[in-house]
Amino acid sequence: MNKKKLWSIALLLMLVLSTFLAACSSDTTGTTDSTDPKDDSKDGEVEESTDPKILVFGRGGDSVYLDPARATDGESFKVTQNIFETLLNFGPQDTTINEGLATEWNTEDGLTYTFTLREGVKFQDGTDFNAEAVVKNFERWSNGTEDQFPYYASMFGGFKGDEGHVIESVTAEGDNTVIFKLKRPQAPFLKNIAMSPFGIASPTAFEKDGDKFTDNPIGTGPFKFVEWKKNETITIEKYTDYWNPELPKLDKVIFQAIPDNSARLTALTTGEIDLADGVNPADSNNVTGNADLQLYERPSMNVGYLGLTNTRPPFDDVRVRQAMNHAIDKQSIIDAFFNGGALIAKNPMPPSISGYNDDIAGYDYDPEKAKELLKEAGLEDGFEMDLWAMPVPRPYMPDGTKVAEVIQKNLADIGIKANIVTYEWATYLEKTKNGEADAFMLGWTGDNGDADNFLYVLLDKDNIGSNNYAYYSNDEVHDILIAAQTEVDEAKRNELYAQAQEIIFAEAPWVPLAHSTPLLAGKVNLLNFLPHPTGSDKLAEVDFK
């Protein structure tokens, strides 16, 4: 065969080979028939994308602390719930008790509790989680002060040495057993230790860092802390040595503060964030009508209220507090700002909590009655006051400033001049806790589903200076609430809570406003996000399609 013919055959073979290679290339880089751009399937098999899974979670405000034991606000717990773990967990969307860092627990007399701990767990600094670590956490809290660990005092009757302190001792037996001894039975004890503030921290870390532990928090959770840009973002990332190798599904979560609800929803719509907490009820149709979004309802377990500092004149007069209750048109507030997604509040706790007293009638909207009460109190011509408006939207209060304007108008109708003031969120909470406000807008999302977590925590004299921002004190209410804590019979507990609510209603330390059903919105491809009634959402199972 001559060279010219050989050259022709070679060219033909090269042409065939190049066509074949081009066809193979188009199978992997060209457009496929799949509707999922990440579906590079062959024979029914799907290859997962290697791109990191990052969730940007838009929320109304920044955290105050990342040490859960120091925090009292929901924005802090949103983050710490995913860095730390508690001995017990709540159910995915309720407050039933489930295993956590403890896999077994038992008590025979309601005074001694034995917990068997999960083995093979490490803190995010590489140190071991064990019984001694649990003991050191409880020693840290019980030896603290109100300024350091306010929730501990609220839930366990004070600190070590205080008369009301419930916990007698916490001891380790070997590496995996912890024994709690109580001075008296505490009916909500198991629910209390499942709460976000009692996330178990690395003793090595908090002993080294002291008060600065909040800036570099270390727990056993599925995510570890990366960075905190104050009033902007907090970043956490997958903890690769987490005890459950299947979790978390996400590689990173960025919590982004966007104070305005509408701006947050816009950020979701434009793709800047993946999940938005605090959707205005009026915007719910915009979410359900958008094929790229999905709407979530958080199970309701909250109360929004106007607190009255009971030690500041003229709110030290019960008649003035009752007049405030009659003066405010709660229904108009719910119609205007909750879009029907709330109930009028008449008690300090929502109807979903066992022990709720539905026999209480509530204060009806009656400006004339309010004027009569002011006259009886010697304030026929009214008075001037400061009305503190929340600077951030919360589940129980979608727009604090606008609601404050409605309240301002209602009070003007009975001769009260209310000057609206506000502060940055952390400052607002601190100054309110210190009793510096005349009247303040605030609210509470329940931590554990128990009446004690509303009535005792928010309105007992033991908690003045922590969560009792109204500085309300009543010895009879205190005795009833302590008796209810100690009583293990549910029916008898409910009777006691009903009595306490009757006294609280008559003394009117607040103006209860609303129990809301909070709304959230997320991208349609977001999976396994389950809003929790406590407002502290676990994100370990969350994924993207």
Protein backbone atom coordinates (compact mmCIF):
# COMPACT_ATOMS: atom_id res chain seq x y z
CA MET A 1 0.00 0.00 0.00
CA ASN A 2 1.46 3.38 -0.94
CA LYS A 3 2.12 6.17 1.55
CA LYS A 4 -0.65 8.39 0.17
CA LYS A 5 -3.29 5.72 0.81
CA LEU A 6 -1.92 5.04 4.30
CA TRP A 7 -2.14 8.77 5.08
CA SER A 8 -5.79 8.88 3.96
CA ILE A 9 -6.69 5.95 6.18
CA ALA A 10 -4.95 7.60 9.15
CA LEU A 11 -6.89 10.83 8.62
CA LEU A 12 -10.13 8.87 8.47
CA LEU A 13 -9.35 7.06 11.73
CA MET A 14 -8.49 10.36 13.47
CA LEU A 15 -11.79 11.88 12.32
CA VAL A 16 -13.78 8.92 13.68
CA LEU A 17 -11.90 9.05 17.01
CA SER A 18 -12.42 12.80 17.46
CA THR A 19 -16.15 12.43 16.78
CA PHE A 20 -16.39 9.67 19.37
CA LEU A 21 -14.53 11.75 21.99
CA ALA A 22 -16.78 14.77 21.32
CA ALA A 23 -19.85 12.59 21.84
CA CYS A 24 -18.48 11.31 25.15
CA SER A 25 -17.71 14.85 26.25
CA SER A 26 -21.24 16.04 25.55
CA ASP A 27 -22.62 13.35 27.89
CA THR A 28 -20.88 14.94 30.88
CA THR A 29 -20.85 18.65 30.19
CA GLY A 30 -23.82 19.33 27.94
CA THR A 31 -27.48 19.77 28.79
CA THR A 32 -29.28 16.62 29.90
CA ASP A 33 -32.96 15.79 29.94
CA SER A 34 -33.04 15.98 33.76
CA THR A 35 -34.85 18.92 35.37
CA ASP A 36 -32.27 18.87 38.19
CA PRO A 37 -29.05 20.61 37.06
CA LYS A 38 -27.15 18.59 39.68
CA ASP A 39 -28.45 15.26 38.29
CA ASP A 40 -25.55 13.76 36.34
CA SER A 41 -27.29 10.40 36.37
CA LYS A 42 -26.21 7.26 34.60
CA ASP A 43 -28.43 4.20 34.67
CA GLY A 44 -30.58 5.72 37.45
CA GLU A 45 -27.67 6.56 39.78
CA VAL A 46 -27.41 10.15 41.08
CA GLU A 47 -24.09 11.74 41.97
CA GLU A 48 -24.37 14.31 44.75
CA SER A 49 -22.88 17.74 44.23
CA THR A 50 -19.56 18.36 45.93
CA ASP A 51 -20.44 22.02 46.49
CA PRO A 52 -20.62 22.94 50.20
CA LYS A 53 -24.14 23.16 51.60
CA ILE A 54 -24.48 26.59 53.19
CA LEU A 55 -27.67 27.81 54.86
CA VAL A 56 -28.08 31.56 55.31
CA PHE A 57 -30.66 32.07 58.06
CA GLY A 58 -32.12 35.59 58.15
CA ARG A 59 -33.39 36.75 61.53
CA GLY A 60 -34.58 39.91 63.24
CA GLY A 61 -31.62 40.70 65.49
CA ASP A 62 -28.21 39.68 66.72
CA SER A 63 -27.49 37.33 69.60
CA VAL A 64 -26.64 38.83 72.97
CA TYR A 65 -24.51 35.94 74.28
CA LEU A 66 -23.17 32.71 72.77
CA ASP A 67 -22.70 31.22 76.21
CA PRO A 68 -26.20 29.71 76.58
CA ALA A 69 -26.08 29.85 80.36
CA ARG A 70 -25.81 33.65 80.22
CA ALA A 71 -28.48 34.20 77.57
CA THR A 72 -32.17 34.99 78.07
CA ASP A 73 -33.09 35.97 74.50
CA GLY A 74 -34.33 33.82 71.64
CA GLU A 75 -31.79 35.13 69.13
CA SER A 76 -28.97 33.79 71.28
CA PHE A 77 -30.58 30.37 71.68
CA LYS A 78 -31.14 30.10 67.90
CA VAL A 79 -27.37 29.79 67.58
CA THR A 80 -26.34 28.06 70.81
CA GLN A 81 -28.92 25.29 70.29
CA ASN A 82 -26.73 24.05 67.43
CA ILE A 83 -23.33 24.42 69.13
CA PHE A 84 -24.30 22.88 72.47
CA GLU A 85 -26.36 19.89 73.55
CA THR A 86 -28.37 19.27 76.71
CA LEU A 87 -28.71 16.10 78.77
CA LEU A 88 -32.25 15.67 77.44
CA ASN A 89 -33.94 16.89 74.28
CA PHE A 90 -37.46 17.96 73.41
CA GLY A 91 -39.39 16.30 70.58
CA PRO A 92 -38.93 17.64 67.02
CA GLN A 93 -41.96 19.97 67.33
CA ASP A 94 -43.15 19.60 70.93
CA THR A 95 -41.81 19.53 74.48
CA THR A 96 -41.95 15.79 75.17
CA ILE A 97 -38.75 14.47 76.77
CA ASN A 98 -36.28 12.57 74.57
CA GLU A 99 -32.71 11.37 75.01
CA GLY A 100 -29.88 13.80 74.43
CA LEU A 101 -26.41 13.56 75.93
CA ALA A 102 -28.09 11.19 78.38
CA THR A 103 -29.52 8.00 76.91
CA GLU A 104 -31.30 6.77 80.06
CA TRP A 105 -32.70 8.41 83.20
CA ASN A 106 -34.80 7.31 86.14
CA THR A 107 -36.07 8.33 89.56
CA GLU A 108 -37.89 6.39 92.24
CA ASP A 109 -38.88 9.15 94.63
CA GLY A 110 -38.70 12.41 92.65
CA LEU A 111 -35.66 13.43 94.73
CA THR A 112 -32.85 11.37 93.20
CA TYR A 113 -32.33 11.23 89.43
CA THR A 114 -29.78 8.93 87.78
CA PHE A 115 -28.61 9.68 84.22
CA THR A 116 -26.64 7.35 81.98
CA LEU A 117 -24.54 9.35 79.53
CA ARG A 118 -23.86 8.79 75.86
CA GLU A 119 -20.40 7.33 75.25
CA GLY A 120 -17.86 8.35 72.62
CA VAL A 121 -18.79 12.06 72.68
CA LYS A 122 -16.14 14.76 72.41
CA PHE A 123 -16.28 18.51 72.84
CA GLN A 124 -15.33 20.62 69.85
CA ASP A 125 -11.92 21.32 71.46
CA GLY A 126 -11.14 17.60 71.40
CA THR A 127 -11.66 16.98 75.13
CA ASP A 128 -13.91 14.18 76.40
CA PHE A 129 -17.52 14.60 77.40
CA ASN A 130 -18.13 12.59 80.57
CA ALA A 131 -19.86 12.66 83.95
CA GLU A 132 -17.25 14.96 85.46
CA ALA A 133 -17.90 17.51 82.70
CA VAL A 134 -21.60 17.55 83.61
CA VAL A 135 -20.76 18.07 87.28
CA LYS A 136 -18.43 20.97 86.45
CA ASN A 137 -21.11 22.68 84.35
CA PHE A 138 -23.65 22.51 87.17
CA GLU A 139 -21.05 23.68 89.69
CA ARG A 140 -20.25 26.64 87.44
CA TRP A 141 -23.92 27.62 87.22
CA SER A 142 -24.85 27.00 90.86
CA ASN A 143 -21.87 29.03 92.11
CA GLY A 144 -22.81 31.97 89.88
CA THR A 145 -24.89 35.10 90.26
CA GLU A 146 -28.03 36.60 88.72
CA ASP A 147 -25.89 38.74 86.42
CA GLN A 148 -24.02 35.69 85.18
CA PHE A 149 -26.62 32.92 84.93
CA PRO A 150 -30.15 34.31 85.35
CA TYR A 151 -31.92 31.27 83.90
CA TYR A 152 -30.30 28.92 86.40
CA ALA A 153 -31.73 30.93 89.29
CA SER A 154 -35.15 31.07 87.61
CA MET A 155 -35.43 27.36 86.97
CA PHE A 156 -33.73 25.95 90.08
CA GLY A 157 -34.80 28.39 92.81
CA GLY A 158 -31.59 30.37 93.17
CA PHE A 159 -27.94 29.45 93.63
CA LYS A 160 -25.97 27.27 96.02
CA GLY A 161 -26.62 28.47 99.57
CA ASP A 162 -29.93 30.14 98.71
CA GLU A 163 -32.92 28.93 100.70
CA GLY A 164 -34.97 28.06 97.63
CA HIS A 165 -32.19 26.30 95.69
CA VAL A 166 -33.65 22.97 94.56
CA ILE A 167 -30.48 21.01 93.74
CA GLU A 168 -28.71 19.52 96.75
CA SER A 169 -25.88 17.84 94.83
CA VAL A 170 -24.66 16.65 91.43
CA THR A 171 -22.12 13.81 91.51
CA ALA A 172 -20.31 11.59 89.03
CA GLU A 173 -20.16 7.81 89.35
CA GLY A 174 -17.53 6.72 86.90
CA ASP A 175 -17.35 8.27 83.45
CA ASN A 176 -20.91 7.71 82.31
CA THR A 177 -23.28 8.12 85.29
CA VAL A 178 -24.46 11.35 86.92
CA ILE A 179 -26.67 11.48 90.03
CA PHE A 180 -28.76 14.54 90.94
CA LYS A 181 -30.18 14.86 94.44
CA LEU A 182 -32.92 17.43 95.02
CA LYS A 183 -33.96 19.08 98.29
CA ARG A 184 -37.62 18.82 97.31
CA PRO A 185 -39.49 17.35 94.35
CA GLN A 186 -39.59 19.62 91.31
CA ALA A 187 -42.26 18.55 88.84
CA PRO A 188 -40.69 20.24 85.77
CA PHE A 189 -37.13 19.11 86.62
CA LEU A 190 -36.59 16.99 83.50
CA LYS A 191 -38.08 19.66 81.24
CA ASN A 192 -35.89 22.28 82.89
CA ILE A 193 -32.62 20.51 82.16
CA ALA A 194 -33.70 19.99 78.52
CA MET A 195 -33.84 23.77 78.03
CA SER A 196 -31.36 25.63 75.81
CA PRO A 197 -29.63 27.54 78.67
CA PHE A 198 -28.35 24.26 80.09
CA GLY A 199 -26.23 23.21 77.13
CA ILE A 200 -23.17 21.37 78.39
CA ALA A 201 -19.97 23.32 77.70
CA SER A 202 -16.34 22.22 77.63
CA PRO A 203 -14.95 22.71 81.16
CA THR A 204 -11.48 23.14 79.68
CA ALA A 205 -12.75 26.06 77.60
CA PHE A 206 -14.84 27.90 80.20
CA GLU A 207 -12.21 27.46 82.91
CA LYS A 208 -9.61 28.96 80.56
CA ASP A 209 -11.71 31.76 79.06
CA GLY A 210 -13.94 32.82 81.96
CA ASP A 211 -16.32 35.60 80.91
CA LYS A 212 -14.83 35.56 77.41
CA PHE A 213 -16.21 32.06 76.82
CA THR A 214 -19.20 33.68 75.11
CA ASP A 215 -16.85 34.87 72.33
CA ASN A 216 -15.50 31.38 71.63
CA PRO A 217 -18.19 28.90 72.68
CA ILE A 218 -17.38 25.18 72.70
CA GLY A 219 -19.95 22.41 73.14
CA THR A 220 -20.63 18.92 71.78
CA GLY A 221 -23.20 19.93 69.14
CA PRO A 222 -23.27 19.17 65.41
CA PHE A 223 -21.91 22.62 64.52
CA LYS A 224 -18.91 24.48 65.90
CA PHE A 225 -18.42 28.22 66.20
CA VAL A 226 -16.44 30.04 63.51
CA GLU A 227 -17.01 33.81 63.62
CA TRP A 228 -19.20 36.53 65.12
CA LYS A 229 -19.49 39.90 63.36
CA LYS A 230 -21.54 41.86 65.87
CA ASN A 231 -24.94 43.01 64.62
CA GLU A 232 -24.26 41.36 61.26
CA THR A 233 -23.54 37.62 61.08
CA ILE A 234 -22.65 34.60 63.16
CA THR A 235 -21.11 31.65 61.32
CA ILE A 236 -21.04 28.05 62.49
CA GLU A 237 -19.72 25.06 60.54
CA LYS A 238 -20.03 21.28 60.53
CA TYR A 239 -18.27 19.58 63.44
CA THR A 240 -16.60 16.68 61.67
CA ASP A 241 -16.06 14.64 64.86
CA TYR A 242 -19.69 14.83 65.94
CA TRP A 243 -20.80 11.64 67.68
CA ASN A 244 -23.46 10.96 65.02
CA PRO A 245 -21.48 10.56 61.76
CA GLU A 246 -24.65 11.04 59.67
CA LEU A 247 -25.12 14.59 60.94
CA PRO A 248 -25.18 17.45 60.28
CA LYS A 249 -26.29 17.51 56.65
CA LEU A 250 -25.19 21.13 56.16
CA ASP A 251 -21.58 22.23 55.95
CA LYS A 252 -22.13 25.74 57.26
CA VAL A 253 -24.85 28.00 58.68
CA ILE A 254 -24.68 31.80 58.59
CA PHE A 255 -27.12 33.65 60.86
CA GLN A 256 -27.67 37.07 59.32
CA ALA A 257 -29.34 39.92 61.21
CA ILE A 258 -31.88 41.83 59.09
CA PRO A 259 -34.04 43.83 61.52
CA ASP A 260 -36.91 44.69 59.17
CA ASN A 261 -39.33 41.84 58.39
CA SER A 262 -40.12 43.09 54.89
CA ALA A 263 -36.45 43.56 54.03
CA ARG A 264 -35.76 40.04 55.26
CA LEU A 265 -38.46 38.59 53.02
CA THR A 266 -37.06 40.56 50.09
CA ALA A 267 -33.63 39.09 50.80
CA LEU A 268 -35.19 35.63 50.67
CA THR A 269 -37.00 36.37 47.41
CA THR A 270 -33.83 37.65 45.75
CA GLY A 271 -31.78 34.67 46.95
CA GLU A 272 -29.56 36.49 49.45
CA ILE A 273 -30.77 34.20 52.25
CA ASP A 274 -32.31 30.73 52.33
CA LEU A 275 -34.55 30.96 55.40
CA ALA A 276 -36.35 33.93 56.94
CA ASP A 277 -37.63 34.03 60.50
CA GLY A 278 -40.39 36.51 61.36
CA VAL A 279 -42.55 36.86 58.28
CA ASN A 280 -45.21 39.56 58.60
CA PRO A 281 -48.61 37.82 58.68
CA ALA A 282 -49.78 40.23 55.95
CA ASP A 283 -47.02 38.86 53.69
CA SER A 284 -48.02 35.21 54.00
CA ASN A 285 -49.90 35.25 50.67
CA ASN A 286 -46.80 36.58 48.94
CA VAL A 287 -44.93 33.50 50.16
CA THR A 288 -47.58 30.90 49.34
CA GLY A 289 -48.04 32.48 45.90
CA ASN A 290 -44.34 32.18 45.07
CA ALA A 291 -43.42 28.77 43.60
CA ASP A 292 -39.81 29.24 44.76
CA LEU A 293 -40.75 29.59 48.44
CA GLN A 294 -42.47 27.66 51.21
CA LEU A 295 -44.24 28.96 54.32
CA TYR A 296 -43.73 27.52 57.81
CA GLU A 297 -45.86 27.94 60.94
CA ARG A 298 -44.12 27.72 64.29
CA PRO A 299 -46.33 25.92 66.85
CA SER A 300 -47.66 28.65 69.14
CA MET A 301 -46.28 28.80 72.68
CA ASN A 302 -45.80 32.48 73.44
CA VAL A 303 -47.21 35.70 74.82
CA GLY A 304 -46.59 39.30 73.77
CA TYR A 305 -47.25 41.89 76.47
CA LEU A 306 -46.92 45.46 77.62
CA GLY A 307 -45.01 45.26 80.89
CA LEU A 308 -45.61 47.81 83.64
CA THR A 309 -42.78 48.35 86.11
CA ASN A 310 -44.79 47.86 89.30
CA THR A 311 -42.32 49.70 91.52
CA ARG A 312 -42.38 52.94 89.48
CA PRO A 313 -45.15 55.49 90.12
CA PRO A 314 -47.90 55.61 89.03
CA PHE A 315 -47.74 51.89 88.13
CA ASP A 316 -47.33 51.01 91.80
CA ASP A 317 -51.09 51.64 92.00
CA VAL A 318 -53.15 48.62 90.90
CA ARG A 319 -55.95 50.91 89.66
CA VAL A 320 -53.58 52.53 87.16
CA ARG A 321 -52.45 49.10 85.94
CA GLN A 322 -56.07 48.00 85.55
CA ALA A 323 -56.84 51.22 83.67
CA MET A 324 -54.00 50.45 81.24
CA ASN A 325 -55.56 47.04 80.60
CA HIS A 326 -58.95 48.55 79.79
CA ALA A 327 -57.44 51.29 77.63
CA ILE A 328 -55.74 49.15 74.98
CA ASP A 329 -57.67 47.80 72.00
CA LYS A 330 -56.04 44.38 71.62
CA GLN A 331 -58.33 43.26 68.82
CA SER A 332 -57.36 46.18 66.61
CA ILE A 333 -53.69 45.35 67.18
CA ILE A 334 -54.25 41.73 66.19
CA ASP A 335 -56.28 42.71 63.13
CA ALA A 336 -53.72 45.25 61.96
CA PHE A 337 -50.43 43.47 62.64
CA PHE A 338 -51.10 39.74 63.06
CA ASN A 339 -53.48 39.32 60.10
CA GLY A 340 -55.71 37.16 62.27
CA GLY A 341 -52.83 34.85 63.17
CA ALA A 342 -53.05 35.46 66.92
CA LEU A 343 -55.38 35.15 69.90
CA ILE A 344 -56.17 37.95 72.34
CA ALA A 345 -54.19 37.31 75.50
CA LYS A 346 -55.86 37.50 78.88
CA ASN A 347 -53.38 35.43 80.92
CA PRO A 348 -49.56 35.47 81.07
CA MET A 349 -49.39 32.05 79.40
CA PRO A 350 -50.99 30.66 76.22
CA PRO A 351 -53.96 28.25 76.10
CA SER A 352 -51.68 25.48 74.79
CA ILE A 353 -50.05 25.14 78.23
CA SER A 354 -51.53 22.73 80.77
CA GLY A 355 -52.97 24.70 83.71
CA TYR A 356 -54.29 27.60 81.63
CA ASN A 357 -57.29 29.25 83.35
CA ASP A 358 -59.92 29.82 80.67
CA ASP A 359 -62.49 30.96 83.25
CA ILE A 360 -60.78 34.33 83.55
CA ALA A 361 -62.77 36.86 81.52
CA GLY A 362 -59.96 39.26 80.71
CA TYR A 363 -60.07 43.05 80.61
CA ASP A 364 -62.39 44.25 77.85
CA TYR A 365 -61.56 47.33 75.80
CA ASP A 366 -63.39 50.05 77.75
CA PRO A 367 -61.85 53.56 77.70
CA GLU A 368 -64.59 54.94 79.96
CA LYS A 369 -63.86 52.32 82.61
CA ALA A 370 -60.17 53.18 82.29
CA LYS A 371 -60.93 56.86 82.95
CA GLU A 372 -62.97 55.94 86.05
CA LEU A 373 -60.07 53.94 87.45
CA LEU A 374 -57.63 56.79 86.83
CA LYS A 375 -60.00 59.15 88.62
CA GLU A 376 -60.14 56.79 91.61
CA ALA A 377 -56.34 56.81 91.63
CA GLY A 378 -56.29 60.63 91.73
CA LEU A 379 -55.18 60.94 88.11
CA GLU A 380 -58.33 62.33 86.53
CA ASP A 381 -56.23 64.58 84.28
CA GLY A 382 -53.98 61.71 83.22
CA PHE A 383 -50.18 61.70 83.36
CA GLU A 384 -47.08 61.54 81.16
CA MET A 385 -44.97 58.41 80.74
CA ASP A 386 -42.37 56.73 78.53
CA LEU A 387 -43.50 53.82 76.40
CA TRP A 388 -40.59 51.59 75.40
CA ALA A 389 -40.95 50.01 71.93
CA MET A 390 -38.99 46.93 70.93
CA PRO A 391 -36.34 47.70 68.28
CA VAL A 392 -36.52 44.27 66.64
CA PRO A 393 -39.41 42.12 65.41
CA ARG A 394 -40.07 39.06 67.51
CA PRO A 395 -42.46 36.11 66.98
CA TYR A 396 -44.87 37.53 69.54
CA MET A 397 -44.54 41.11 68.22
CA PRO A 398 -44.06 41.52 64.44
CA ASP A 399 -43.61 45.30 64.50
CA GLY A 400 -42.93 46.82 67.90
CA THR A 401 -42.83 50.44 66.74
CA LYS A 402 -46.17 50.35 64.94
CA VAL A 403 -47.89 48.50 67.78
CA ALA A 404 -46.47 51.12 70.17
CA GLU A 405 -48.07 53.84 68.04
CA VAL A 406 -51.49 52.17 68.41
CA ILE A 407 -50.99 51.89 72.17
CA GLN A 408 -49.89 55.53 72.27
CA LYS A 409 -53.16 56.57 70.59
CA ASN A 410 -55.24 54.37 72.92
CA LEU A 411 -53.59 55.93 75.97
CA ALA A 412 -54.07 59.45 74.61
CA ASP A 413 -57.80 58.72 74.47
CA ILE A 414 -57.86 58.39 78.28
CA GLY A 415 -55.58 61.37 78.97
CA ILE A 416 -52.20 59.61 79.19
CA LYS A 417 -49.36 61.11 77.16
CA ALA A 418 -46.99 58.29 76.16
CA ASN A 419 -43.58 59.18 74.71
CA ILE A 420 -42.23 56.35 72.56
CA VAL A 421 -38.55 55.54 73.16
CA THR A 422 -36.32 52.64 72.17
CA TYR A 423 -32.76 51.35 72.36
CA GLU A 424 -30.53 48.83 70.63
CA TRP A 425 -31.79 45.32 71.50
CA ALA A 426 -29.16 44.23 74.04
CA THR A 427 -29.34 47.64 75.76
CA TYR A 428 -33.15 47.51 75.71
CA LEU A 429 -33.14 44.17 77.52
CA GLU A 430 -30.52 45.23 80.04
CA LYS A 431 -32.21 48.52 80.96
CA THR A 432 -35.64 46.89 81.16
CA LYS A 433 -34.26 44.15 83.40
CA ASN A 434 -32.86 46.89 85.66
CA GLY A 435 -36.34 48.39 86.09
CA GLU A 436 -35.59 51.63 84.19
CA ALA A 437 -38.73 51.63 82.01
CA ASP A 438 -42.18 52.96 82.90
CA ALA A 439 -43.89 50.58 80.49
CA PHE A 440 -42.17 48.32 78.00
CA MET A 441 -43.14 46.03 75.16
CA LEU A 442 -41.77 42.52 75.47
CA GLY A 443 -42.83 38.91 75.23
CA TRP A 444 -41.89 35.35 75.98
CA THR A 445 -41.64 32.14 74.02
CA GLY A 446 -41.92 29.16 76.34
CA ASP A 447 -38.77 27.14 76.97
CA ASN A 448 -40.23 23.84 78.05
CA GLY A 449 -44.03 23.75 77.71
CA ASP A 450 -44.69 23.96 81.46
CA ALA A 451 -46.80 26.57 83.26
CA ASP A 452 -43.92 27.09 85.70
CA ASN A 453 -41.85 28.44 82.82
CA PHE A 454 -44.34 31.28 82.34
CA LEU A 455 -45.80 32.10 85.75
CA TYR A 456 -42.85 31.46 88.05
CA VAL A 457 -40.13 32.59 85.65
CA LEU A 458 -41.87 35.78 84.53
CA LEU A 459 -43.86 36.91 87.57
CA ASP A 460 -42.48 35.42 90.77
CA LYS A 461 -40.64 37.60 93.27
CA ASP A 462 -37.68 35.18 93.11
CA ASN A 463 -37.03 36.34 89.55
CA ILE A 464 -37.05 40.11 90.00
CA GLY A 465 -33.89 41.30 88.30
CA SER A 466 -33.80 38.35 85.91
CA ASN A 467 -36.91 37.48 83.88
CA ASN A 468 -39.47 39.29 86.07
CA TYR A 469 -39.00 42.62 84.27
CA ALA A 470 -42.22 44.03 85.75
CA TYR A 471 -40.79 43.83 89.31
CA TYR A 472 -44.09 42.25 90.39
CA SER A 473 -44.07 40.72 93.88
CA ASN A 474 -46.85 38.89 95.69
CA ASP A 475 -46.21 36.55 98.61
CA GLU A 476 -49.40 34.55 98.06
CA VAL A 477 -48.59 33.99 94.39
CA HIS A 478 -45.06 32.95 95.39
CA ASP A 479 -46.34 30.34 97.86
CA ILE A 480 -48.77 28.95 95.28
CA LEU A 481 -46.11 28.70 92.57
CA ILE A 482 -43.61 26.96 94.86
CA ALA A 483 -46.34 24.51 95.91
CA ALA A 484 -47.12 23.87 92.22
CA GLN A 485 -43.46 23.17 91.50
CA THR A 486 -43.36 20.60 94.27
CA GLU A 487 -46.69 18.94 93.45
CA VAL A 488 -46.30 15.97 91.09
CA ASP A 489 -50.05 15.32 90.61
CA GLU A 490 -50.94 17.09 87.34
CA ALA A 491 -54.55 17.86 88.30
CA LYS A 492 -53.50 19.41 91.61
CA ARG A 493 -50.77 21.43 89.89
CA ASN A 494 -53.31 22.80 87.42
CA GLU A 495 -55.60 23.88 90.27
CA LEU A 496 -52.74 25.81 91.85
CA TYR A 497 -51.84 27.50 88.57
CA ALA A 498 -55.49 28.48 88.07
CA GLN A 499 -55.46 30.18 91.49
CA ALA A 500 -52.23 32.02 90.71
CA GLN A 501 -53.65 33.33 87.41
CA GLU A 502 -56.73 34.71 89.21
CA ILE A 503 -54.56 36.76 91.56
CA ILE A 504 -52.28 37.92 88.74
CA PHE A 505 -55.31 38.95 86.68
CA ALA A 506 -56.67 41.09 89.54
CA GLU A 507 -53.31 42.74 90.20
CA ALA A 508 -52.60 43.38 86.50
CA PRO A 509 -48.78 43.58 86.51
CA TRP A 510 -48.88 43.53 82.68
CA VAL A 511 -51.18 44.17 79.80
CA PRO A 512 -51.15 40.75 78.05
CA LEU A 513 -51.64 41.45 74.32
CA ALA A 514 -51.46 38.40 72.05
CA HIS A 515 -50.55 34.75 71.59
CA SER A 516 -49.26 34.50 68.03
CA THR A 517 -48.61 31.75 65.49
CA PRO A 518 -45.21 32.88 64.17
CA LEU A 519 -44.45 32.50 60.47
CA LEU A 520 -41.21 31.70 58.66
CA ALA A 521 -40.40 31.28 54.98
CA GLY A 522 -37.73 29.31 53.16
CA LYS A 523 -36.58 28.31 49.74
CA VAL A 524 -38.65 25.55 48.18
CA ASN A 525 -35.62 23.24 47.99
CA LEU A 526 -35.03 23.38 51.75
CA LEU A 527 -35.62 20.03 53.45
CA ASN A 528 -36.30 18.83 57.00
CA PHE A 529 -36.62 22.22 58.68
CA LEU A 530 -39.02 21.81 61.61
CA PRO A 531 -39.78 25.05 63.50
CA HIS A 532 -39.84 24.36 67.21
CA PRO A 533 -42.38 25.96 69.57
CA THR A 534 -39.54 27.13 71.85
CA GLY A 535 -38.10 29.17 68.98
CA SER A 536 -34.78 27.30 69.27
CA ASP A 537 -34.50 25.30 66.05
CA LYS A 538 -32.13 22.35 65.67
CA LEU A 539 -30.56 22.42 62.23
CA ALA A 540 -28.63 19.13 62.15
CA GLU A 541 -31.18 17.39 59.89
CA VAL A 542 -31.74 20.37 57.56
CA ASP A 543 -30.66 19.79 53.98
CA PHE A 544 -31.15 21.02 50.43
CA LYS A 545 -32.71 19.00 47.62
